[in-house]
Amino acid sequence: MGSKKRPQDDEQEFIDDVDEVYDLLVKTHDFKDITKPPTTRMTFQLLAQFHVIMRDKCERLEARLDHVEQQTAALEKSGIKYGGVYQRANTYSRGTIVTHLGSAWIALKDADVGVVPQDSPDIWQLAIKRGRDGKDASRLPR
């Protein structure tokens, strides 16, 4: 479900739909009828066929939309979870933010025990990079 459609896919899908309607016309009419301007009967048959095609497309899109809405609801429900200072013995679920060596990291996927943030860019993404203490840091109010 997660794959994106390319413009070429839409174009091919349209061509397939036109071929389907053409095949219907060829099966239900003589060639001489197809070469003439469409009759009322042919026009209604075309409309009915396009209606079926569009209904099927809408049903597929509705199913995809339902899936996306469920994913969105699950993500909104979970929100951002701060996991504290990274600990090698813990597992972290997707979306958990931890601090490690002064930086903040977010889990892109579920992280198993011992998966260290700076060593696993496919699982952890650096969110806030550690800075360095300035020369005047000791004079800041605490």
N, C-alpha and C. Protein backbone atom coordinates (compact mmCIF):
# COMPACT_ATOMS: atom_id res chain seq x y z
N MET A 1 0.81 -1.21 0.00
CA MET A 1 0.00 0.00 0.00
C MET A 1 0.85 1.26 0.00
N GLY A 2 2.04 1.19 0.48
CA GLY A 2 2.85 2.36 0.68
C GLY A 2 3.56 2.88 -0.54
N SER A 3 3.48 2.19 -1.66
CA SER A 3 4.23 2.64 -2.82
C SER A 3 3.53 3.78 -3.51
N LYS A 4 4.34 4.72 -4.03
CA LYS A 4 3.80 5.87 -4.72
C LYS A 4 3.57 5.53 -6.19
N LYS A 5 2.52 6.14 -6.75
CA LYS A 5 2.26 5.95 -8.17
C LYS A 5 3.03 6.99 -8.96
N ARG A 6 3.56 6.56 -10.09
CA ARG A 6 4.27 7.47 -10.98
C ARG A 6 3.29 7.96 -12.04
N PRO A 7 3.56 9.12 -12.67
CA PRO A 7 2.68 9.62 -13.73
C PRO A 7 2.50 8.59 -14.85
N GLN A 8 3.56 7.82 -15.16
CA GLN A 8 3.46 6.80 -16.20
C GLN A 8 2.42 5.74 -15.84
N ASP A 9 2.28 5.45 -14.53
CA ASP A 9 1.29 4.47 -14.10
C ASP A 9 -0.12 4.96 -14.39
N ASP A 10 -0.38 6.25 -14.12
CA ASP A 10 -1.69 6.83 -14.40
C ASP A 10 -1.98 6.80 -15.90
N GLU A 11 -0.97 7.11 -16.70
CA GLU A 11 -1.13 7.12 -18.15
C GLU A 11 -1.45 5.72 -18.65
N GLN A 12 -0.71 4.72 -18.16
CA GLN A 12 -0.95 3.34 -18.58
C GLN A 12 -2.32 2.87 -18.12
N GLU A 13 -2.72 3.29 -16.93
CA GLU A 13 -4.04 2.91 -16.41
C GLU A 13 -5.14 3.49 -17.30
N PHE A 14 -4.96 4.74 -17.73
CA PHE A 14 -5.93 5.36 -18.63
C PHE A 14 -6.00 4.61 -19.95
N ILE A 15 -4.84 4.26 -20.50
CA ILE A 15 -4.80 3.52 -21.77
C ILE A 15 -5.50 2.18 -21.61
N ASP A 16 -5.27 1.51 -20.50
CA ASP A 16 -5.94 0.23 -20.23
C ASP A 16 -7.45 0.40 -20.16
N ASP A 17 -7.91 1.49 -19.52
CA ASP A 17 -9.35 1.76 -19.43
C ASP A 17 -9.95 2.00 -20.82
N VAL A 18 -9.25 2.77 -21.64
CA VAL A 18 -9.74 3.04 -23.01
C VAL A 18 -9.80 1.73 -23.80
N ASP A 19 -8.78 0.89 -23.66
CA ASP A 19 -8.77 -0.41 -24.35
C ASP A 19 -9.95 -1.26 -23.91
N GLU A 20 -10.26 -1.21 -22.62
CA GLU A 20 -11.38 -2.00 -22.10
C GLU A 20 -12.70 -1.54 -22.72
N VAL A 21 -12.89 -0.23 -22.82
CA VAL A 21 -14.11 0.30 -23.42
C VAL A 21 -14.14 -0.02 -24.91
N TYR A 22 -13.02 0.10 -25.57
CA TYR A 22 -12.94 -0.23 -27.00
C TYR A 22 -13.31 -1.69 -27.23
N ASP A 23 -12.75 -2.57 -26.40
CA ASP A 23 -13.07 -4.00 -26.52
C ASP A 23 -14.57 -4.24 -26.35
N LEU A 24 -15.19 -3.54 -25.43
CA LEU A 24 -16.63 -3.67 -25.23
C LEU A 24 -17.38 -3.24 -26.49
N LEU A 25 -16.96 -2.13 -27.06
CA LEU A 25 -17.63 -1.65 -28.28
C LEU A 25 -17.47 -2.64 -29.43
N VAL A 26 -16.29 -3.19 -29.59
CA VAL A 26 -16.03 -4.13 -30.67
C VAL A 26 -16.88 -5.39 -30.48
N LYS A 27 -17.03 -5.83 -29.24
CA LYS A 27 -17.82 -7.04 -28.97
C LYS A 27 -19.31 -6.82 -29.20
N THR A 28 -19.78 -5.61 -28.98
CA THR A 28 -21.22 -5.35 -29.02
C THR A 28 -21.70 -4.65 -30.30
N HIS A 29 -20.76 -4.24 -31.16
CA HIS A 29 -21.15 -3.51 -32.38
C HIS A 29 -20.32 -3.98 -33.57
N ASP A 30 -20.88 -3.79 -34.75
CA ASP A 30 -20.13 -4.06 -35.97
C ASP A 30 -19.11 -2.96 -36.17
N PHE A 31 -18.07 -3.27 -36.95
CA PHE A 31 -17.01 -2.30 -37.21
C PHE A 31 -17.59 -1.05 -37.89
N LYS A 32 -18.55 -1.24 -38.83
CA LYS A 32 -19.13 -0.09 -39.52
C LYS A 32 -19.86 0.84 -38.55
N ASP A 33 -20.43 0.26 -37.46
CA ASP A 33 -21.11 1.09 -36.46
C ASP A 33 -20.10 1.94 -35.68
N ILE A 34 -18.92 1.37 -35.43
CA ILE A 34 -17.92 2.07 -34.63
C ILE A 34 -17.30 3.23 -35.40
N THR A 35 -17.25 3.09 -36.72
CA THR A 35 -16.63 4.16 -37.53
C THR A 35 -17.57 5.33 -37.76
N LYS A 36 -18.84 5.18 -37.47
CA LYS A 36 -19.82 6.26 -37.62
C LYS A 36 -19.93 7.03 -36.31
N PRO A 37 -20.55 8.20 -36.34
CA PRO A 37 -20.80 8.90 -35.08
C PRO A 37 -21.62 8.01 -34.15
N PRO A 38 -21.35 8.08 -32.84
CA PRO A 38 -22.03 7.16 -31.91
C PRO A 38 -23.53 7.40 -31.84
N THR A 39 -24.25 6.29 -31.76
CA THR A 39 -25.70 6.37 -31.58
C THR A 39 -25.99 6.63 -30.10
N THR A 40 -27.21 6.91 -29.79
CA THR A 40 -27.61 7.12 -28.41
C THR A 40 -27.33 5.86 -27.58
N ARG A 41 -27.61 4.70 -28.17
CA ARG A 41 -27.37 3.43 -27.48
C ARG A 41 -25.87 3.27 -27.16
N MET A 42 -25.03 3.56 -28.13
CA MET A 42 -23.58 3.45 -27.93
C MET A 42 -23.11 4.43 -26.87
N THR A 43 -23.65 5.62 -26.90
CA THR A 43 -23.27 6.65 -25.93
C THR A 43 -23.62 6.20 -24.51
N PHE A 44 -24.81 5.63 -24.35
CA PHE A 44 -25.21 5.15 -23.03
C PHE A 44 -24.35 3.96 -22.58
N GLN A 45 -23.99 3.10 -23.52
CA GLN A 45 -23.13 1.97 -23.17
C GLN A 45 -21.75 2.47 -22.73
N LEU A 46 -21.23 3.47 -23.44
CA LEU A 46 -19.94 4.05 -23.06
C LEU A 46 -20.02 4.68 -21.67
N LEU A 47 -21.08 5.43 -21.44
CA LEU A 47 -21.25 6.06 -20.12
C LEU A 47 -21.35 5.01 -19.02
N ALA A 48 -22.09 3.94 -19.30
CA ALA A 48 -22.23 2.88 -18.30
C ALA A 48 -20.88 2.23 -18.02
N GLN A 49 -20.09 1.97 -19.06
CA GLN A 49 -18.79 1.34 -18.87
C GLN A 49 -17.85 2.26 -18.09
N PHE A 50 -17.83 3.55 -18.46
CA PHE A 50 -16.99 4.49 -17.72
C PHE A 50 -17.45 4.61 -16.27
N HIS A 51 -18.75 4.52 -16.06
CA HIS A 51 -19.26 4.56 -14.69
C HIS A 51 -18.72 3.39 -13.87
N VAL A 52 -18.73 2.20 -14.46
CA VAL A 52 -18.20 1.01 -13.78
C VAL A 52 -16.72 1.19 -13.47
N ILE A 53 -15.97 1.68 -14.45
CA ILE A 53 -14.52 1.89 -14.26
C ILE A 53 -14.28 2.89 -13.14
N MET A 54 -15.00 4.00 -13.16
CA MET A 54 -14.79 5.05 -12.14
C MET A 54 -15.24 4.58 -10.76
N ARG A 55 -16.32 3.80 -10.72
CA ARG A 55 -16.76 3.26 -9.43
C ARG A 55 -15.67 2.37 -8.83
N ASP A 56 -15.09 1.52 -9.66
CA ASP A 56 -14.01 0.64 -9.18
C ASP A 56 -12.81 1.45 -8.69
N LYS A 57 -12.45 2.48 -9.45
CA LYS A 57 -11.34 3.34 -9.05
C LYS A 57 -11.64 4.03 -7.71
N CYS A 58 -12.85 4.53 -7.57
CA CYS A 58 -13.23 5.21 -6.32
C CYS A 58 -13.18 4.25 -5.14
N GLU A 59 -13.63 3.03 -5.35
CA GLU A 59 -13.58 2.04 -4.25
C GLU A 59 -12.14 1.76 -3.84
N ARG A 60 -11.23 1.65 -4.83
CA ARG A 60 -9.82 1.42 -4.50
C ARG A 60 -9.23 2.63 -3.77
N LEU A 61 -9.57 3.83 -4.23
CA LEU A 61 -9.07 5.04 -3.58
C LEU A 61 -9.62 5.18 -2.16
N GLU A 62 -10.89 4.84 -1.97
CA GLU A 62 -11.47 4.89 -0.63
C GLU A 62 -10.75 3.93 0.30
N ALA A 63 -10.41 2.75 -0.19
CA ALA A 63 -9.69 1.78 0.65
C ALA A 63 -8.31 2.32 1.01
N ARG A 64 -7.62 2.93 0.05
CA ARG A 64 -6.31 3.52 0.33
C ARG A 64 -6.44 4.66 1.32
N LEU A 65 -7.46 5.48 1.16
CA LEU A 65 -7.68 6.61 2.06
C LEU A 65 -7.97 6.12 3.48
N ASP A 66 -8.79 5.08 3.60
CA ASP A 66 -9.07 4.51 4.93
C ASP A 66 -7.78 4.05 5.59
N HIS A 67 -6.91 3.40 4.82
CA HIS A 67 -5.63 2.93 5.35
C HIS A 67 -4.78 4.11 5.83
N VAL A 68 -4.70 5.16 5.05
CA VAL A 68 -3.92 6.34 5.43
C VAL A 68 -4.51 7.00 6.67
N GLU A 69 -5.83 7.09 6.74
CA GLU A 69 -6.47 7.69 7.91
C GLU A 69 -6.18 6.86 9.18
N GLN A 70 -6.17 5.54 9.06
CA GLN A 70 -5.85 4.69 10.21
C GLN A 70 -4.40 4.89 10.64
N GLN A 71 -3.49 4.98 9.67
CA GLN A 71 -2.09 5.23 10.00
C GLN A 71 -1.92 6.58 10.68
N THR A 72 -2.59 7.60 10.16
CA THR A 72 -2.51 8.94 10.73
C THR A 72 -3.04 8.95 12.16
N ALA A 73 -4.16 8.29 12.37
CA ALA A 73 -4.73 8.24 13.72
C ALA A 73 -3.78 7.55 14.70
N ALA A 74 -3.15 6.48 14.25
CA ALA A 74 -2.20 5.76 15.12
C ALA A 74 -1.01 6.65 15.45
N LEU A 75 -0.51 7.39 14.46
CA LEU A 75 0.63 8.28 14.71
C LEU A 75 0.24 9.42 15.64
N GLU A 76 -0.94 10.00 15.42
CA GLU A 76 -1.39 11.10 16.27
C GLU A 76 -1.63 10.62 17.70
N LYS A 77 -2.09 9.39 17.83
CA LYS A 77 -2.36 8.83 19.16
C LYS A 77 -1.06 8.64 19.94
N SER A 78 -0.03 8.19 19.23
CA SER A 78 1.22 7.90 19.93
C SER A 78 1.99 9.16 20.28
N GLY A 79 1.95 10.17 19.43
CA GLY A 79 2.67 11.41 19.70
C GLY A 79 4.17 11.19 19.81
N ILE A 80 4.86 12.14 20.38
CA ILE A 80 6.30 12.03 20.58
C ILE A 80 6.54 11.54 22.00
N LYS A 81 7.42 10.55 22.12
CA LYS A 81 7.72 10.00 23.42
C LYS A 81 9.20 10.24 23.71
N TYR A 82 9.47 10.87 24.84
CA TYR A 82 10.87 11.07 25.24
C TYR A 82 11.31 9.85 26.02
N GLY A 83 12.34 9.19 25.53
CA GLY A 83 12.83 7.97 26.16
C GLY A 83 13.96 8.20 27.15
N GLY A 84 14.31 9.47 27.39
CA GLY A 84 15.38 9.77 28.34
C GLY A 84 16.76 9.61 27.72
N VAL A 85 17.73 9.43 28.57
CA VAL A 85 19.10 9.23 28.12
C VAL A 85 19.19 7.81 27.55
N TYR A 86 19.80 7.69 26.38
CA TYR A 86 19.92 6.39 25.72
C TYR A 86 20.61 5.38 26.64
N GLN A 87 20.02 4.19 26.71
CA GLN A 87 20.63 3.10 27.47
C GLN A 87 20.67 1.87 26.59
N ARG A 88 21.85 1.31 26.47
CA ARG A 88 22.10 0.17 25.59
C ARG A 88 21.17 -1.02 25.88
N ALA A 89 20.74 -1.19 27.11
CA ALA A 89 19.93 -2.34 27.51
C ALA A 89 18.44 -2.18 27.18
N ASN A 90 18.03 -1.02 26.69
CA ASN A 90 16.61 -0.77 26.41
C ASN A 90 16.31 -0.95 24.93
N THR A 91 15.04 -1.23 24.65
CA THR A 91 14.54 -1.18 23.28
C THR A 91 13.74 0.11 23.16
N TYR A 92 13.67 0.66 21.94
CA TYR A 92 12.96 1.92 21.72
C TYR A 92 12.03 1.75 20.52
N SER A 93 10.82 2.25 20.66
CA SER A 93 9.87 2.14 19.56
C SER A 93 10.02 3.34 18.62
N ARG A 94 9.52 3.15 17.42
CA ARG A 94 9.57 4.19 16.40
C ARG A 94 8.98 5.48 16.97
N GLY A 95 9.66 6.60 16.73
CA GLY A 95 9.18 7.90 17.18
C GLY A 95 9.71 8.33 18.54
N THR A 96 10.42 7.43 19.23
CA THR A 96 10.97 7.77 20.54
C THR A 96 12.19 8.66 20.37
N ILE A 97 12.28 9.70 21.20
CA ILE A 97 13.43 10.60 21.19
C ILE A 97 14.27 10.30 22.42
N VAL A 98 15.59 10.16 22.20
CA VAL A 98 16.52 9.94 23.32
C VAL A 98 17.66 10.95 23.20
N THR A 99 18.32 11.18 24.32
CA THR A 99 19.55 11.96 24.28
C THR A 99 20.72 10.99 24.40
N HIS A 100 21.78 11.31 23.65
CA HIS A 100 22.96 10.44 23.66
C HIS A 100 24.18 11.30 23.33
N LEU A 101 25.14 11.31 24.23
CA LEU A 101 26.37 12.10 24.07
C LEU A 101 26.06 13.58 23.77
N GLY A 102 25.03 14.10 24.43
CA GLY A 102 24.69 15.51 24.31
C GLY A 102 23.80 15.88 23.14
N SER A 103 23.47 14.93 22.27
CA SER A 103 22.60 15.18 21.11
C SER A 103 21.27 14.48 21.32
N ALA A 104 20.25 14.92 20.58
CA ALA A 104 18.94 14.28 20.63
C ALA A 104 18.76 13.47 19.34
N TRP A 105 18.27 12.25 19.50
CA TRP A 105 18.08 11.33 18.38
C TRP A 105 16.64 10.84 18.37
N ILE A 106 16.07 10.64 17.18
CA ILE A 106 14.72 10.10 17.06
C ILE A 106 14.78 8.75 16.34
N ALA A 107 14.05 7.78 16.88
CA ALA A 107 14.03 6.43 16.28
C ALA A 107 13.12 6.44 15.06
N LEU A 108 13.68 6.12 13.90
CA LEU A 108 12.91 6.04 12.66
C LEU A 108 12.16 4.71 12.56
N LYS A 109 12.72 3.70 13.23
CA LYS A 109 12.13 2.35 13.28
C LYS A 109 12.29 1.87 14.72
N ASP A 110 11.68 0.75 15.03
CA ASP A 110 11.89 0.16 16.35
C ASP A 110 13.37 -0.21 16.48
N ALA A 111 13.97 0.16 17.62
CA ALA A 111 15.39 -0.10 17.85
C ALA A 111 15.55 -1.19 18.90
N ASP A 112 16.26 -2.25 18.53
CA ASP A 112 16.51 -3.35 19.45
C ASP A 112 17.57 -2.98 20.47
N VAL A 113 17.75 -3.85 21.43
CA VAL A 113 18.77 -3.67 22.47
C VAL A 113 20.14 -3.50 21.82
N GLY A 114 20.90 -2.50 22.27
CA GLY A 114 22.26 -2.30 21.81
C GLY A 114 22.43 -1.56 20.50
N VAL A 115 21.35 -1.10 19.88
CA VAL A 115 21.46 -0.35 18.63
C VAL A 115 21.74 1.11 18.99
N VAL A 116 23.00 1.51 18.83
CA VAL A 116 23.48 2.82 19.28
C VAL A 116 23.13 3.88 18.23
N PRO A 117 22.60 5.04 18.67
CA PRO A 117 22.18 6.08 17.73
C PRO A 117 23.23 6.49 16.70
N GLN A 118 24.42 6.90 17.12
CA GLN A 118 25.37 7.43 16.15
C GLN A 118 25.93 6.35 15.23
N ASP A 119 25.71 5.07 15.55
CA ASP A 119 26.21 3.97 14.73
C ASP A 119 25.16 3.37 13.81
N SER A 120 23.92 3.87 13.87
CA SER A 120 22.81 3.24 13.13
C SER A 120 21.94 4.28 12.42
N PRO A 121 22.45 4.91 11.34
CA PRO A 121 21.68 5.96 10.67
C PRO A 121 20.40 5.47 10.00
N ASP A 122 20.28 4.16 9.77
CA ASP A 122 19.04 3.64 9.19
C ASP A 122 17.94 3.51 10.24
N ILE A 123 18.32 3.55 11.53
CA ILE A 123 17.32 3.43 12.61
C ILE A 123 17.18 4.73 13.40
N TRP A 124 18.28 5.44 13.60
CA TRP A 124 18.27 6.67 14.39
C TRP A 124 18.61 7.87 13.51
N GLN A 125 17.88 8.97 13.70
CA GLN A 125 18.18 10.21 13.00
C GLN A 125 18.53 11.29 14.02
N LEU A 126 19.60 11.99 13.72
CA LEU A 126 20.02 13.09 14.59
C LEU A 126 19.00 14.22 14.48
N ALA A 127 18.43 14.61 15.60
CA ALA A 127 17.42 15.67 15.61
C ALA A 127 18.03 16.99 16.08
N ILE A 128 18.84 16.93 17.12
CA ILE A 128 19.50 18.13 17.65
C ILE A 128 20.95 17.77 17.92
N LYS A 129 21.83 18.47 17.25
CA LYS A 129 23.26 18.18 17.40
C LYS A 129 23.83 18.88 18.62
N ARG A 130 24.69 18.16 19.30
CA ARG A 130 25.36 18.69 20.48
C ARG A 130 26.18 19.91 20.09
N GLY A 131 26.09 20.93 20.90
CA GLY A 131 26.92 22.11 20.70
C GLY A 131 28.16 22.03 21.58
N ARG A 132 28.93 23.07 21.58
CA ARG A 132 30.07 23.08 22.50
C ARG A 132 29.85 24.19 23.51
N ASP A 133 30.39 24.03 24.69
CA ASP A 133 30.23 25.04 25.73
C ASP A 133 30.99 26.29 25.31
N GLY A 134 30.35 27.43 25.45
CA GLY A 134 31.01 28.69 25.14
C GLY A 134 31.92 29.12 26.28
N LYS A 135 32.78 30.06 25.99
CA LYS A 135 33.73 30.50 27.01
C LYS A 135 33.03 31.19 28.18
N ASP A 136 31.81 31.72 27.94
CA ASP A 136 31.09 32.43 29.00
C ASP A 136 30.02 31.55 29.67
N ALA A 137 30.03 30.25 29.41
CA ALA A 137 28.99 29.38 29.95
C ALA A 137 28.97 29.38 31.48
N SER A 138 30.12 29.56 32.10
CA SER A 138 30.16 29.54 33.56
C SER A 138 29.51 30.76 34.18
N ARG A 139 29.31 31.85 33.43
CA ARG A 139 28.72 33.07 33.98
C ARG A 139 27.20 33.14 33.80
N LEU A 140 26.61 32.12 33.14
CA LEU A 140 25.16 32.13 32.92
C LEU A 140 24.44 31.88 34.24
N PRO A 141 23.29 32.55 34.45
CA PRO A 141 22.53 32.31 35.68
C PRO A 141 22.01 30.88 35.70
N ARG A 142 22.01 30.31 36.87
CA ARG A 142 21.54 28.91 36.99
C ARG A 142 20.27 28.84 37.74
